[in-house]
Amino acid sequence: KEEGIWPAIAIGINDIAGTGLYSSEYIVGSYGINKTDFHFGLGWGQLNGSSESFRNPLGRIDNSFYDRTENTEDQGGQFQPSRYFSGETSSPFFGVTHAINEKYLLKLEYDSTLTPGLVGYKSADQDFSFGIDFSPIKNLTIGISAERGNSTSIRISYKNNTTQSKPRYEYKNANHKDTDSNYVRLIRNLNENGIGVNKILEGSDQVGVQISQFRHPNLDVIDEIIKRASYNAGLNKPVKANLTVANLKARTEFDESFEKNSKLIYQRQAKKKFKTNTRLQVRPFLASREEFFKGALMIENISEYSFLDNFFFSSNIKYSLADNFDDLKYPPVDTYPAQVRSDIKDYLINYDEGIIIGRAQFDYYLSPKKNHHTMLTAGILEEMFNGIGFEYLYFKQDSNYAIGFEVFEVKKRDYEMRFGSLDYKNITGHLNFYYRNYGRIPFDAKISYGEYLAGDEGITIDLSRSFANGTKFGIFASFTDVSTEQFGEGSFDKGIYFNIPVFGNLVSYSWRPLTKDPGAKLIRKNTLHDLLIRFRTIN
């Protein structure tokens, strides 16, 4: 509930289907008076650690609220509604924040959290925490806090409104000669604004332009550039554009019959092109049993060479400048049904042994028929696997669904991550169904069924939301024929992933609470669906 005459109200659940170590629920109200905000709430479970706790008020509704189950079903991964908001007692918590001015914010908090002993956190020396936030520039906050009498924390946060920070582009005017024809002016205008022209066709009532090389993030920007470029070139006929990505027909505004009955004005000769980019990159590894954060600061080179418009070689080469992977020593708890991901530490500890090949693969794309797209891939596909594979996708440009399949024969790479390999190999494949909702709550859904890297079979459900500025958030879960007992802690594979544009760069990360072998899929550079919808904004 939003704040009005009465306070804002929020209800929350932590560790809703996990191991139970952090299982807790809360109800909290907040209210602001001038420059000061107050909040007060009640906590259950791990938030019920205050010496000022009192009998659970929800027990007056039903006596079952007094009984909180201590054990977790199936080692986590299962919902247990019977434990939510339950327990013999509940604890109060509260906090106050005061804005000194636009840049400084003071905070005081009474914290009722119990620290789970199995995790190894220190018990609180006191219940109060306090801190100060400093905002040097808009949207950026740096916070320093003294917490619970025994810890100090530093927090840096950057905020942005993904629905408002849509990409903006300022059209650039090109220089022309007096003798230039209208079509030469059109090509030069588009080139000046980052769009390469493959072909121009002139019909009786329209002009067709085929483009494939562009640097813009969505179709709205591309359409606006084409509209202005044709107007500035002096073309009187409307311009229709076909857009191809790696020679895949991503959008078609004129068909083959138009091409047959039109005059060819211009056609670009295919050229071999080489693109490369070297940058600093951080490789994180979160929540290992040795330590919460492990990571490497690397120099990373990403290169691509195009033999043809639809035939590419791409590579990813890395070199670690500094890392703390050497003391990753605890082996995985479970390695069933085959070890394909749980030996991640054996790869990470070799990051400081010289140059690493993250990827070196050939990709060939083809749309043999309208709405039918194919992709053939071979080489070093990721840090842990090399192999060869094929993907097919049926995709209609005006439809919000697509369907296809992929099959890959893969072999496990050795731990030095160069050209050697281990004995393990398998054939993995999936049927894929994609759905994109453009309604009030836009989202992407992907459901795939098939055999995973470790040989288990099952289904993966992936839900995500994308924004025009490049931001993307997603969650996934895989349910396979590996039982919850065989999987162990967590019961099934699941995780989150995100892409966030920060200061012009794209931060990408995928995180699983537990790195296990069931439900593991190839980490692919591109999929056909990703390529074909890349420039179609959903928000």
Protein backbone atom coordinates (compact mmCIF):
# COMPACT_ATOMS: atom_id res chain seq x y z
CA LYS A 1 0.00 0.00 0.00
CA GLU A 2 1.31 3.47 -0.94
CA GLU A 3 1.61 6.17 1.71
CA GLY A 4 -1.38 8.47 2.08
CA ILE A 5 -3.23 9.59 5.17
CA TRP A 6 -2.18 6.25 6.65
CA PRO A 7 1.34 4.78 6.42
CA ALA A 8 2.62 2.75 3.49
CA ILE A 9 2.43 -1.00 4.16
CA ALA A 10 4.73 -3.75 2.86
CA ILE A 11 4.70 -7.51 3.43
CA GLY A 12 7.76 -9.62 2.67
CA ILE A 13 9.16 -13.16 2.83
CA ASN A 14 12.87 -14.04 2.82
CA ASP A 15 14.24 -17.48 1.83
CA ILE A 16 10.77 -18.39 0.59
CA ALA A 17 11.83 -21.83 -0.72
CA GLY A 18 15.43 -22.26 0.32
CA THR A 19 17.34 -24.08 3.03
CA GLY A 20 15.56 -22.28 5.85
CA LEU A 21 18.72 -20.75 7.30
CA TYR A 22 17.38 -17.27 6.49
CA SER A 23 13.68 -18.11 6.59
CA SER A 24 11.78 -15.04 7.82
CA GLU A 25 8.71 -12.92 7.19
CA TYR A 26 7.74 -9.36 8.05
CA ILE A 27 5.00 -6.74 7.95
CA VAL A 28 6.20 -3.13 8.03
CA GLY A 29 4.65 0.30 7.85
CA SER A 30 6.45 3.54 6.92
CA TYR A 31 5.51 7.20 7.09
CA GLY A 32 7.32 10.44 6.25
CA ILE A 33 7.08 13.80 8.03
CA ASN A 34 8.96 16.60 6.27
CA LYS A 35 12.59 15.41 5.96
CA THR A 36 12.22 12.45 8.31
CA ASP A 37 10.94 8.96 7.50
CA PHE A 38 9.88 6.39 10.11
CA HIS A 39 9.24 2.68 9.76
CA PHE A 40 7.99 0.08 12.24
CA GLY A 41 7.35 -3.61 11.71
CA LEU A 42 7.01 -7.12 13.09
CA GLY A 43 9.33 -9.98 12.16
CA TRP A 44 9.02 -13.77 12.32
CA GLY A 45 11.60 -16.54 11.89
CA GLN A 46 15.14 -15.18 11.62
CA LEU A 47 13.77 -11.66 12.18
CA ASN A 48 12.44 -12.75 15.58
CA GLY A 49 15.64 -12.15 17.56
CA SER A 50 14.72 -9.24 19.81
CA SER A 51 14.74 -9.47 23.61
CA GLU A 52 11.53 -7.43 23.38
CA SER A 53 9.64 -10.14 21.50
CA PHE A 54 6.02 -10.87 22.40
CA ARG A 55 3.43 -13.55 21.68
CA ASN A 56 2.61 -13.90 17.96
CA PRO A 57 -0.52 -11.76 17.37
CA LEU A 58 -1.56 -13.92 14.39
CA GLY A 59 -2.10 -16.79 16.82
CA ARG A 60 -5.37 -15.13 17.79
CA ILE A 61 -6.60 -15.87 14.27
CA ASP A 62 -5.60 -19.54 14.38
CA ASN A 63 -3.53 -21.56 16.86
CA SER A 64 -1.50 -23.03 13.96
CA PHE A 65 0.40 -19.70 13.72
CA TYR A 66 2.05 -20.51 17.08
CA ASP A 67 3.79 -23.60 15.61
CA ARG A 68 6.79 -22.97 13.32
CA THR A 69 8.25 -26.03 11.59
CA GLU A 70 11.99 -26.28 12.26
CA ASN A 71 12.93 -28.80 9.56
CA THR A 72 13.07 -27.95 5.85
CA GLU A 73 11.44 -30.22 3.28
CA ASP A 74 13.69 -31.95 0.74
CA GLN A 75 16.84 -30.01 1.69
CA GLY A 76 15.34 -26.76 0.50
CA GLY A 77 13.77 -25.82 -2.80
CA GLN A 78 10.22 -26.42 -1.65
CA PHE A 79 7.54 -23.97 -0.55
CA GLN A 80 6.39 -24.45 3.05
CA PRO A 81 3.42 -22.13 3.65
CA SER A 82 2.84 -23.66 7.08
CA ARG A 83 5.91 -21.89 8.46
CA TYR A 84 5.19 -18.41 7.04
CA PHE A 85 4.40 -15.76 9.71
CA SER A 86 4.39 -18.47 12.35
CA GLY A 87 6.17 -19.03 15.66
CA GLU A 88 5.43 -18.74 19.36
CA THR A 89 6.62 -15.10 19.33
CA SER A 90 7.37 -12.24 16.93
CA SER A 91 9.77 -9.31 17.31
CA PRO A 92 9.42 -5.58 16.67
CA PHE A 93 11.93 -3.65 14.55
CA PHE A 94 12.01 0.01 13.57
CA GLY A 95 14.14 2.67 11.90
CA VAL A 96 14.45 6.40 11.31
CA THR A 97 16.05 8.25 8.37
CA HIS A 98 16.58 11.99 8.26
CA ALA A 99 17.67 14.03 5.23
CA ILE A 100 20.14 16.71 6.34
CA ASN A 101 20.06 18.11 2.80
CA GLU A 102 19.92 16.78 -0.76
CA LYS A 103 23.28 15.01 -0.40
CA TYR A 104 23.35 13.60 3.15
CA LEU A 105 21.00 11.14 4.81
CA LEU A 106 21.29 9.85 8.42
CA LYS A 107 19.92 6.42 9.35
CA LEU A 108 19.21 4.64 12.65
CA GLU A 109 17.82 1.12 12.92
CA TYR A 110 16.75 -1.31 15.62
CA ASP A 111 17.59 -4.71 14.10
CA SER A 112 15.93 -7.91 15.33
CA THR A 113 17.75 -10.32 12.98
CA LEU A 114 19.09 -13.63 14.29
CA THR A 115 22.37 -14.63 12.63
CA PRO A 116 22.31 -18.31 11.59
CA GLY A 117 25.13 -20.14 13.36
CA LEU A 118 25.69 -22.63 10.55
CA VAL A 119 26.75 -19.80 8.24
CA GLY A 120 29.35 -18.44 10.65
CA TYR A 121 28.16 -14.85 11.14
CA LYS A 122 28.95 -13.16 14.44
CA SER A 123 26.11 -12.73 16.92
CA ALA A 124 25.08 -9.11 17.43
CA ASP A 125 26.77 -7.17 20.24
CA GLN A 126 23.86 -4.73 20.20
CA ASP A 127 20.52 -4.34 18.46
CA PHE A 128 21.14 -0.88 17.01
CA SER A 129 22.83 0.06 13.71
CA PHE A 130 23.44 3.51 12.31
CA GLY A 131 24.87 4.99 9.13
CA ILE A 132 25.13 7.89 6.72
CA ASP A 133 24.46 8.07 2.96
CA PHE A 134 26.23 10.53 0.67
CA SER A 135 25.07 11.34 -2.89
CA PRO A 136 27.89 13.09 -4.79
CA ILE A 137 25.89 13.10 -8.03
CA LYS A 138 22.33 12.31 -9.06
CA ASN A 139 21.40 8.61 -8.81
CA LEU A 140 24.71 7.62 -7.13
CA THR A 141 24.82 6.91 -3.38
CA ILE A 142 27.71 5.92 -1.12
CA GLY A 143 26.75 4.59 2.31
CA ILE A 144 28.85 3.83 5.41
CA SER A 145 27.25 1.98 8.33
CA ALA A 146 28.16 0.63 11.77
CA GLU A 147 26.05 -2.49 12.15
CA ARG A 148 25.01 -4.42 15.27
CA GLY A 149 28.06 -3.33 17.26
CA ASN A 150 30.56 -5.59 15.49
CA SER A 151 30.60 -4.78 11.76
CA THR A 152 31.22 -1.89 9.39
CA SER A 153 29.88 -1.85 5.85
CA ILE A 154 30.39 0.29 2.76
CA ARG A 155 27.68 0.34 0.10
CA ILE A 156 27.67 1.90 -3.36
CA SER A 157 24.41 2.06 -5.30
CA TYR A 158 23.47 3.47 -8.70
CA LYS A 159 19.82 3.95 -9.63
CA ASN A 160 18.21 4.49 -13.01
CA ASN A 161 14.67 4.40 -14.30
CA THR A 162 14.66 1.82 -17.09
CA THR A 163 11.31 3.01 -18.46
CA GLN A 164 12.57 6.59 -18.89
CA SER A 165 16.21 6.12 -19.90
CA LYS A 166 15.44 5.02 -23.44
CA PRO A 167 18.26 5.50 -25.94
CA ARG A 168 18.30 8.86 -27.69
CA TYR A 169 20.03 9.50 -30.98
CA GLU A 170 20.88 12.80 -32.62
CA TYR A 171 20.77 12.62 -36.42
CA LYS A 172 23.99 13.61 -38.22
CA ASN A 173 23.96 15.44 -41.55
CA ALA A 174 26.30 14.12 -44.26
CA ASN A 175 28.37 16.13 -46.75
CA HIS A 176 27.26 15.79 -50.37
CA LYS A 177 28.46 16.85 -53.81
CA ASP A 178 26.18 18.72 -56.20
CA THR A 179 26.53 15.87 -58.69
CA ASP A 180 25.41 13.18 -56.22
CA SER A 181 22.22 11.34 -57.16
CA ASN A 182 19.40 10.89 -54.67
CA TYR A 183 20.45 7.29 -54.00
CA VAL A 184 24.11 8.22 -53.41
CA ARG A 185 22.86 10.83 -50.93
CA LEU A 186 20.68 8.18 -49.23
CA ILE A 187 23.61 5.76 -48.85
CA ARG A 188 25.89 8.51 -47.54
CA ASN A 189 23.23 9.73 -45.10
CA LEU A 190 22.73 6.23 -43.70
CA ASN A 191 26.47 5.53 -43.48
CA GLU A 192 27.01 8.80 -41.62
CA ASN A 193 24.44 7.65 -39.07
CA GLY A 194 25.82 4.18 -38.53
CA ILE A 195 23.74 2.13 -40.98
CA GLY A 196 25.31 0.12 -43.79
CA VAL A 197 23.33 -0.50 -46.97
CA ASN A 198 23.49 -3.89 -48.70
CA LYS A 199 21.03 -3.29 -51.51
CA ILE A 200 18.68 -0.64 -52.93
CA LEU A 201 15.73 -1.55 -55.16
CA GLU A 202 13.36 0.86 -56.91
CA GLY A 203 9.79 -0.13 -57.64
CA SER A 204 6.95 1.72 -59.28
CA ASP A 205 5.56 3.09 -56.02
CA GLN A 206 8.25 2.51 -53.36
CA VAL A 207 11.96 2.05 -52.70
CA GLY A 208 13.35 -1.03 -50.97
CA VAL A 209 16.51 -0.82 -48.84
CA GLN A 210 18.22 -3.85 -47.36
CA ILE A 211 20.45 -3.10 -44.35
CA SER A 212 22.56 -5.35 -42.14
CA GLN A 213 25.36 -3.30 -40.58
CA PHE A 214 24.21 -0.94 -37.83
CA ARG A 215 25.14 -0.01 -34.27
CA HIS A 216 21.79 1.12 -32.93
CA PRO A 217 19.99 -0.71 -30.09
CA ASN A 218 16.43 -0.85 -31.43
CA LEU A 219 14.21 -0.59 -34.49
CA ASP A 220 12.66 2.73 -33.49
CA VAL A 221 16.01 4.50 -33.82
CA ILE A 222 16.77 2.73 -37.12
CA ASP A 223 13.36 3.65 -38.59
CA GLU A 224 13.74 7.28 -37.59
CA ILE A 225 17.20 7.47 -39.23
CA ILE A 226 15.92 5.87 -42.47
CA LYS A 227 12.98 8.27 -42.57
CA ARG A 228 15.17 11.35 -42.16
CA ALA A 229 17.89 10.05 -44.50
CA SER A 230 15.41 9.44 -47.34
CA TYR A 231 13.81 12.85 -46.84
CA ASN A 232 17.19 14.63 -46.86
CA ALA A 233 18.20 12.67 -49.96
CA GLY A 234 15.21 14.04 -51.83
CA LEU A 235 13.41 10.74 -52.41
CA ASN A 236 9.74 11.15 -53.22
CA LYS A 237 8.75 7.49 -52.90
CA PRO A 238 8.28 5.84 -49.48
CA VAL A 239 11.22 3.72 -48.34
CA LYS A 240 10.66 0.20 -47.04
CA ALA A 241 13.51 -1.54 -45.20
CA ASN A 242 14.45 -5.18 -44.82
CA LEU A 243 16.74 -5.77 -41.87
CA THR A 244 19.06 -8.75 -41.62
CA VAL A 245 21.17 -9.88 -38.68
CA ALA A 246 24.01 -12.20 -39.72
CA ASN A 247 22.05 -12.57 -42.95
CA LEU A 248 19.00 -13.78 -41.02
CA LYS A 249 15.81 -12.03 -42.09
CA ALA A 250 14.95 -10.23 -38.86
CA ARG A 251 12.37 -7.90 -40.43
CA THR A 252 10.82 -7.88 -43.90
CA GLU A 253 8.89 -4.89 -45.28
CA PHE A 254 9.15 -5.92 -48.94
CA ASP A 255 8.91 -9.45 -50.32
CA GLU A 256 10.51 -11.49 -53.11
CA SER A 257 7.89 -10.46 -55.66
CA PHE A 258 8.86 -6.82 -55.14
CA GLU A 259 12.52 -7.73 -55.70
CA LYS A 260 11.71 -9.53 -58.96
CA ASN A 261 9.69 -6.62 -60.34
CA SER A 262 12.02 -3.83 -59.20
CA LYS A 263 15.13 -2.23 -60.61
CA LEU A 264 18.41 -2.93 -58.80
CA ILE A 265 19.98 0.45 -58.01
CA TYR A 266 22.85 -0.59 -55.74
CA GLN A 267 24.37 -3.76 -54.28
CA ARG A 268 27.30 -3.84 -51.87
CA GLN A 269 30.07 -6.32 -52.48
CA ALA A 270 30.60 -8.68 -49.55
CA LYS A 271 33.77 -7.78 -47.68
CA LYS A 272 35.79 -9.57 -45.05
CA LYS A 273 35.78 -7.58 -41.83
CA PHE A 274 37.68 -7.82 -38.56
CA LYS A 275 36.46 -6.30 -35.29
CA THR A 276 38.29 -6.44 -31.99
CA ASN A 277 37.88 -4.93 -28.54
CA THR A 278 40.16 -5.22 -25.52
CA ARG A 279 38.93 -4.20 -22.09
CA LEU A 280 39.28 -4.73 -18.36
CA GLN A 281 36.77 -7.22 -17.00
CA VAL A 282 35.88 -8.55 -13.54
CA ARG A 283 35.11 -12.28 -13.27
CA PRO A 284 33.15 -12.82 -10.02
CA PHE A 285 32.49 -16.11 -8.24
CA LEU A 286 29.95 -15.61 -5.46
CA ALA A 287 29.00 -17.61 -2.38
CA SER A 288 31.68 -20.30 -2.44
CA ARG A 289 32.11 -22.31 0.74
CA GLU A 290 35.60 -20.87 1.19
CA GLU A 291 34.53 -17.21 1.06
CA PHE A 292 31.56 -15.18 -0.14
CA PHE A 293 33.38 -13.27 -2.88
CA LYS A 294 36.07 -14.62 -5.16
CA GLY A 295 37.05 -12.84 -8.33
CA ALA A 296 39.61 -11.98 -10.97
CA LEU A 297 40.56 -8.72 -12.66
CA MET A 298 41.29 -9.63 -16.27
CA ILE A 299 42.30 -8.23 -19.60
CA GLU A 300 39.77 -9.60 -22.08
CA ASN A 301 39.91 -9.48 -25.85
CA ILE A 302 36.77 -10.10 -27.91
CA SER A 303 37.30 -10.40 -31.67
CA GLU A 304 35.18 -11.29 -34.68
CA TYR A 305 36.16 -11.97 -38.28
CA SER A 306 33.46 -12.18 -40.96
CA PHE A 307 34.32 -14.27 -44.01
CA LEU A 308 30.83 -13.57 -45.43
CA ASP A 309 27.75 -11.74 -44.20
CA ASN A 310 26.58 -15.00 -42.64
CA PHE A 311 29.87 -16.77 -41.77
CA PHE A 312 31.86 -15.64 -38.72
CA PHE A 313 34.73 -16.63 -36.49
CA SER A 314 34.62 -15.18 -32.97
CA SER A 315 37.06 -15.49 -30.09
CA ASN A 316 37.31 -14.56 -26.44
CA ILE A 317 40.82 -14.48 -24.95
CA LYS A 318 41.52 -13.65 -21.29
CA TYR A 319 44.49 -13.00 -19.04
CA SER A 320 44.22 -12.62 -15.28
CA LEU A 321 45.99 -9.59 -13.80
CA ALA A 322 44.99 -10.48 -10.23
CA ASP A 323 42.69 -13.06 -8.64
CA ASN A 324 42.07 -14.88 -5.36
CA PHE A 325 41.00 -18.26 -6.72
CA ASP A 326 44.05 -20.17 -5.43
CA ASP A 327 42.50 -21.19 -2.10
CA LEU A 328 39.34 -22.70 -3.63
CA LYS A 329 39.89 -26.08 -2.00
CA TYR A 330 36.55 -27.61 -0.94
CA PRO A 331 35.34 -30.19 -3.49
CA PRO A 332 31.70 -30.33 -4.61
CA VAL A 333 29.26 -32.20 -2.39
CA ASP A 334 27.31 -33.83 -5.22
CA THR A 335 28.49 -34.83 -8.71
CA TYR A 336 25.45 -36.72 -10.00
CA PRO A 337 24.72 -37.83 -12.77
CA ALA A 338 28.01 -36.66 -14.38
CA GLN A 339 30.43 -33.90 -13.44
CA VAL A 340 29.85 -31.11 -15.94
CA ARG A 341 29.58 -27.92 -13.81
CA SER A 342 30.40 -28.81 -10.20
CA ASP A 343 34.15 -28.84 -10.98
CA ILE A 344 34.08 -25.09 -11.71
CA LYS A 345 36.78 -24.50 -9.06
CA ASP A 346 39.24 -26.69 -11.00
CA TYR A 347 38.90 -24.21 -13.87
CA LEU A 348 39.06 -21.07 -11.74
CA ILE A 349 42.30 -22.00 -9.94
CA ASN A 350 44.04 -22.06 -13.34
CA TYR A 351 43.12 -18.47 -14.19
CA ASP A 352 46.60 -17.30 -13.16
CA GLU A 353 48.39 -19.83 -15.36
CA GLY A 354 48.58 -17.64 -18.46
CA ILE A 355 46.31 -16.97 -21.42
CA ILE A 356 42.83 -18.52 -21.28
CA ILE A 357 40.65 -19.25 -24.31
CA GLY A 358 37.09 -18.51 -23.29
CA ARG A 359 35.66 -19.06 -26.77
CA ALA A 360 36.86 -19.72 -30.33
CA GLN A 361 34.01 -20.73 -32.63
CA PHE A 362 32.73 -20.63 -36.20
CA ASP A 363 29.09 -19.65 -36.84
CA TYR A 364 27.16 -20.03 -40.10
CA TYR A 365 23.64 -18.55 -40.42
CA LEU A 366 21.01 -19.12 -43.08
CA SER A 367 17.32 -18.34 -43.63
CA PRO A 368 16.53 -20.86 -46.41
CA LYS A 369 12.87 -19.88 -46.46
CA LYS A 370 10.75 -17.07 -45.05
CA ASN A 371 10.30 -17.46 -41.29
CA HIS A 372 12.69 -20.44 -41.18
CA HIS A 373 16.16 -19.80 -39.70
CA THR A 374 19.16 -22.06 -39.09
CA MET A 375 22.55 -21.81 -37.40
CA LEU A 376 25.58 -24.13 -37.47
CA THR A 377 28.25 -23.68 -34.76
CA ALA A 378 31.59 -25.43 -34.15
CA GLY A 379 34.69 -24.87 -32.03
CA ILE A 380 35.41 -23.92 -28.42
CA LEU A 381 31.90 -23.01 -27.30
CA GLU A 382 32.60 -21.87 -23.71
CA GLU A 383 35.09 -22.26 -20.85
CA MET A 384 34.08 -25.86 -20.10
CA PHE A 385 32.98 -27.35 -23.44
CA ASN A 386 33.88 -27.51 -27.10
CA GLY A 387 31.85 -29.19 -29.82
CA ILE A 388 29.62 -28.79 -32.84
CA GLY A 389 25.91 -28.12 -33.07
CA PHE A 390 22.88 -27.08 -35.09
CA GLU A 391 19.89 -24.88 -34.26
CA TYR A 392 16.59 -24.33 -36.11
CA LEU A 393 13.95 -21.68 -35.37
CA TYR A 394 10.54 -20.93 -36.85
CA PHE A 395 9.96 -17.21 -36.27
CA LYS A 396 7.36 -14.90 -37.82
CA GLN A 397 8.30 -11.25 -37.49
CA ASP A 398 4.80 -10.10 -36.47
CA SER A 399 4.16 -12.99 -34.10
CA ASN A 400 4.86 -13.06 -30.37
CA TYR A 401 5.91 -16.71 -30.34
CA ALA A 402 8.61 -18.88 -31.91
CA ILE A 403 9.48 -22.58 -31.82
CA GLY A 404 12.64 -24.51 -32.63
CA PHE A 405 15.22 -27.04 -31.52
CA GLU A 406 18.98 -27.34 -30.97
CA VAL A 407 21.37 -30.32 -30.95
CA PHE A 408 25.04 -30.23 -29.89
CA GLU A 409 27.71 -32.88 -29.64
CA VAL A 410 30.06 -31.66 -26.91
CA LYS A 411 33.26 -32.69 -25.14
CA LYS A 412 34.56 -31.47 -21.80
CA ARG A 413 37.56 -29.14 -21.95
CA ASP A 414 40.54 -29.68 -19.67
CA TYR A 415 41.19 -27.35 -16.75
CA GLU A 416 43.89 -25.28 -18.48
CA MET A 417 41.22 -23.91 -20.88
CA ARG A 418 43.31 -23.98 -24.00
CA PHE A 419 43.05 -26.74 -26.62
CA GLY A 420 43.05 -29.91 -24.49
CA SER A 421 40.01 -31.94 -23.50
CA LEU A 422 38.89 -34.53 -20.95
CA ASP A 423 37.23 -37.89 -21.61
CA TYR A 424 33.62 -36.85 -20.96
CA LYS A 425 31.40 -36.24 -23.98
CA ASN A 426 27.68 -36.21 -24.67
CA ILE A 427 24.97 -35.21 -27.13
CA THR A 428 22.66 -32.56 -25.68
CA GLY A 429 19.53 -31.22 -27.33
CA HIS A 430 16.34 -29.29 -26.55
CA LEU A 431 13.00 -28.38 -28.04
CA ASN A 432 12.45 -24.65 -27.43
CA PHE A 433 9.27 -22.60 -27.24
CA TYR A 434 9.45 -18.79 -26.94
CA TYR A 435 6.66 -16.40 -26.02
CA ARG A 436 6.85 -12.60 -25.82
CA ASN A 437 4.05 -10.69 -24.13
CA TYR A 438 3.62 -7.10 -25.34
CA GLY A 439 0.66 -6.42 -23.07
CA ARG A 440 0.33 -4.44 -19.87
CA ILE A 441 3.04 -6.47 -18.15
CA PRO A 442 5.60 -7.17 -20.89
CA PHE A 443 7.80 -10.24 -20.41
CA ASP A 444 9.65 -12.98 -22.27
CA ALA A 445 9.14 -16.67 -21.56
CA LYS A 446 11.16 -19.63 -22.79
CA ILE A 447 10.29 -23.25 -22.14
CA SER A 448 12.70 -25.95 -23.27
CA TYR A 449 12.61 -29.72 -22.96
CA GLY A 450 15.39 -32.19 -23.65
CA GLU A 451 18.66 -33.73 -22.49
CA TYR A 452 21.17 -31.66 -20.54
CA LEU A 453 24.98 -31.75 -20.49
CA ALA A 454 25.12 -34.32 -17.69
CA GLY A 455 22.68 -36.70 -19.43
CA ASP A 456 19.62 -35.92 -17.30
CA GLU A 457 16.36 -35.08 -19.03
CA GLY A 458 13.74 -32.51 -18.14
CA ILE A 459 12.30 -29.05 -18.61
CA THR A 460 13.62 -25.52 -18.06
CA ILE A 461 11.36 -22.50 -17.53
CA ASP A 462 12.89 -19.06 -18.06
CA LEU A 463 11.08 -15.76 -17.43
CA SER A 464 12.62 -12.34 -18.09
CA ARG A 465 11.83 -8.69 -18.69
CA SER A 466 13.77 -6.38 -21.02
CA PHE A 467 13.89 -2.60 -21.33
CA ALA A 468 14.75 -0.25 -24.19
CA ASN A 469 17.98 0.95 -22.58
CA GLY A 470 19.46 -2.58 -22.56
CA THR A 471 18.49 -3.61 -19.04
CA LYS A 472 17.30 -7.20 -18.64
CA PHE A 473 16.37 -9.27 -15.59
CA GLY A 474 15.47 -12.95 -15.58
CA ILE A 475 14.89 -16.04 -13.47
CA PHE A 476 15.04 -19.72 -14.44
CA ALA A 477 14.40 -23.15 -12.96
CA SER A 478 15.10 -26.65 -14.32
CA PHE A 479 13.26 -29.80 -13.27
CA THR A 480 14.85 -33.03 -14.48
CA ASP A 481 14.62 -36.77 -13.83
CA VAL A 482 17.21 -36.35 -11.06
CA SER A 483 15.31 -36.76 -7.79
CA THR A 484 15.49 -34.25 -4.96
CA GLU A 485 17.47 -36.78 -2.89
CA GLN A 486 20.03 -37.23 -5.69
CA PHE A 487 20.25 -33.47 -6.31
CA GLY A 488 20.84 -32.72 -2.63
CA GLU A 489 20.61 -29.27 -1.10
CA GLY A 490 18.34 -27.02 -3.16
CA SER A 491 16.31 -29.91 -4.67
CA PHE A 492 16.50 -28.55 -8.26
CA ASP A 493 18.55 -26.14 -10.37
CA LYS A 494 17.53 -22.46 -10.42
CA GLY A 495 19.06 -19.00 -10.62
CA ILE A 496 18.86 -15.39 -11.71
CA TYR A 497 20.59 -13.36 -14.42
CA PHE A 498 20.78 -9.73 -15.43
CA ASN A 499 22.23 -7.29 -17.95
CA ILE A 500 22.56 -3.72 -16.68
CA PRO A 501 23.97 -0.80 -18.72
CA VAL A 502 26.14 1.23 -16.32
CA PHE A 503 28.02 4.28 -17.64
CA GLY A 504 27.73 3.03 -21.21
CA ASN A 505 28.97 -0.51 -20.46
CA LEU A 506 26.88 -3.63 -20.16
CA VAL A 507 27.26 -5.59 -16.92
CA SER A 508 26.12 -9.18 -17.35
CA TYR A 509 25.98 -11.91 -14.74
CA SER A 510 24.22 -15.20 -14.15
CA TRP A 511 24.07 -16.61 -10.63
CA ARG A 512 22.99 -19.95 -9.22
CA PRO A 513 22.67 -20.39 -5.45
CA LEU A 514 24.39 -23.77 -5.87
CA THR A 515 26.66 -24.94 -8.69
CA LYS A 516 25.54 -28.48 -9.41
CA ASP A 517 25.47 -30.79 -12.41
CA PRO A 518 21.77 -31.55 -13.09
CA GLY A 519 19.97 -29.09 -15.37
CA ALA A 520 23.22 -27.73 -16.87
CA LYS A 521 23.03 -26.26 -20.39
CA LEU A 522 25.62 -24.85 -22.77
CA ILE A 523 26.51 -21.19 -22.25
CA ARG A 524 26.07 -20.05 -25.84
CA LYS A 525 27.26 -16.80 -27.36
CA ASN A 526 24.16 -16.36 -29.53
CA THR A 527 20.87 -18.09 -30.10
CA LEU A 528 18.68 -17.50 -33.16
CA HIS A 529 15.85 -16.07 -31.10
CA ASP A 530 18.14 -13.63 -29.27
CA LEU A 531 19.50 -12.36 -32.59
CA LEU A 532 16.10 -11.93 -34.22
CA ILE A 533 14.46 -10.04 -31.34
CA ARG A 534 17.54 -8.08 -30.27
CA PHE A 535 16.27 -4.83 -31.79
CA ARG A 536 12.60 -5.27 -30.92
CA THR A 537 11.99 -3.32 -27.74
CA ILE A 538 9.34 -4.74 -25.42
CA ASN A 539 8.99 -1.69 -23.14
